[in-house]
Amino acid sequence: MVGYPAKPGPSKAKAAVIGALIGIPVPFIGPVIGAIAGVGYSIYKAKQRG
């Protein structure tokens, strides 16, 4: 399943929370950076699972 997005569940929720926490303090570029961080976290966790 390499290359496919992670299945919905707790890991996506964690990634969304990380993105939101990064995006809240910085009004304009924060949401973009937060979204990138959330996606990066999801990809990192998916690769760890194999």
Protein backbone atom coordinates (compact mmCIF):
# COMPACT_ATOMS: atom_id res chain seq x y z
CA MET A 1 0.00 0.00 0.00
CA VAL A 2 2.90 2.34 -0.57
CA GLY A 3 1.82 5.62 -2.11
CA TYR A 4 -1.76 5.46 -0.87
CA PRO A 5 -3.04 7.93 1.73
CA ALA A 6 -3.37 6.74 5.30
CA LYS A 7 -6.71 5.26 6.32
CA PRO A 8 -9.00 7.61 8.23
CA GLY A 9 -8.74 7.28 11.96
CA PRO A 10 -6.81 8.50 14.96
CA SER A 11 -3.64 9.26 13.00
CA LYS A 12 -5.46 11.67 10.70
CA ALA A 13 -7.08 13.29 13.71
CA LYS A 14 -3.65 13.81 15.30
CA ALA A 15 -2.33 15.30 12.06
CA ALA A 16 -5.29 17.69 11.91
CA VAL A 17 -4.71 18.79 15.50
CA ILE A 18 -1.02 19.39 14.82
CA GLY A 19 -1.91 21.44 11.76
CA ALA A 20 -4.50 23.45 13.67
CA LEU A 21 -2.14 24.20 16.56
CA ILE A 22 0.49 25.49 14.14
CA GLY A 23 -2.05 27.41 12.06
CA ILE A 24 -3.82 29.30 14.87
CA PRO A 25 -1.05 31.65 16.10
CA VAL A 26 0.07 32.87 12.66
CA PRO A 27 -2.87 34.46 10.82
CA PHE A 28 -1.88 34.35 7.13
CA ILE A 29 0.77 31.73 6.41
CA GLY A 30 0.09 29.67 9.55
CA PRO A 31 -2.73 27.58 8.07
CA VAL A 32 -0.60 26.65 5.06
CA ILE A 33 2.37 25.69 7.23
CA GLY A 34 0.02 23.82 9.58
CA ALA A 35 -1.49 21.85 6.72
CA ILE A 36 1.96 20.93 5.41
CA ALA A 37 3.04 19.84 8.91
CA GLY A 38 -0.10 17.71 9.30
CA VAL A 39 0.44 16.00 5.96
CA GLY A 40 4.10 15.44 6.78
CA TYR A 41 3.16 13.82 10.09
CA SER A 42 0.65 11.53 8.36
CA ILE A 43 3.22 10.45 5.77
CA TYR A 44 5.84 9.87 8.46
CA LYS A 45 3.49 7.67 10.52
CA ALA A 46 2.34 5.75 7.42
CA LYS A 47 5.95 4.97 6.46
CA GLN A 48 6.69 3.78 10.00
CA ARG A 49 3.86 1.26 9.77
CA GLY A 50 5.38 -0.19 6.64
